[in-house]
Amino acid sequence: MTKKKEPGELKKRGRKETIYNNGDLSAHLAGVTMIKHLTKEAQAVLRETVKGEATNKNSDRAYNTRHILFLVCRLSKVSQDSIKYTIEHDDKFSQDEYSEASVKQYKKVTVATCKALSELWQSGVPIRADQAKSGSEYYTLCEMGQLKLMLENCCTKDDFEALVKKFSDRN
């Protein structure tokens, strides 16, 4: 006779979940925390994708674009387990527990947004605002953070000008 299997040893029934690999896009968007860090084209794609997924579901409630951007930037592999863990354990999301249907819908919207942003990026359109123009015209997010930190720490004028000159001469 065969031994009865424990519940943990049993295989799940049904279709196997597809896990979307978002590694390249999440690595490219590392450090992006707000929608204004994206170019206008990427912002439009993000908003239209989220709004389009809500209308496909015949729902009047669209998901928050900031939450979807957070998931796109945070997750390198998009699966139901990773979405569920992230939305239940992060302070950005309001509820403590989400139903399986909500998690599936978050995954569907996140994957659609990942695909749309990846398509835009692969076509050669920049999606980060700090890479939109040539490098000498704008400071990167990291450089802006360093300058802001120096101003908050009340540095001397000479130190600040030296750092600005260093950033300006990087090319």
Foldseek 3Di string as FASTA:
>chain_A
DDDDDDPVPDDDDDDDWDKDALQVVLVVCPPDQDQVQWDPVLSVLLVCLQVVLCVVVVHPDTDDSNVLVCCSNPDRIQDLVVQQCVQLPDPVHDDNHDDSVVSVSSSVSSVSSSVSVVVCVVVPQGTGPCVRDDNLPDDDPVLVVVLVVCVVVPHDPVVSVVSVVCSNPVD
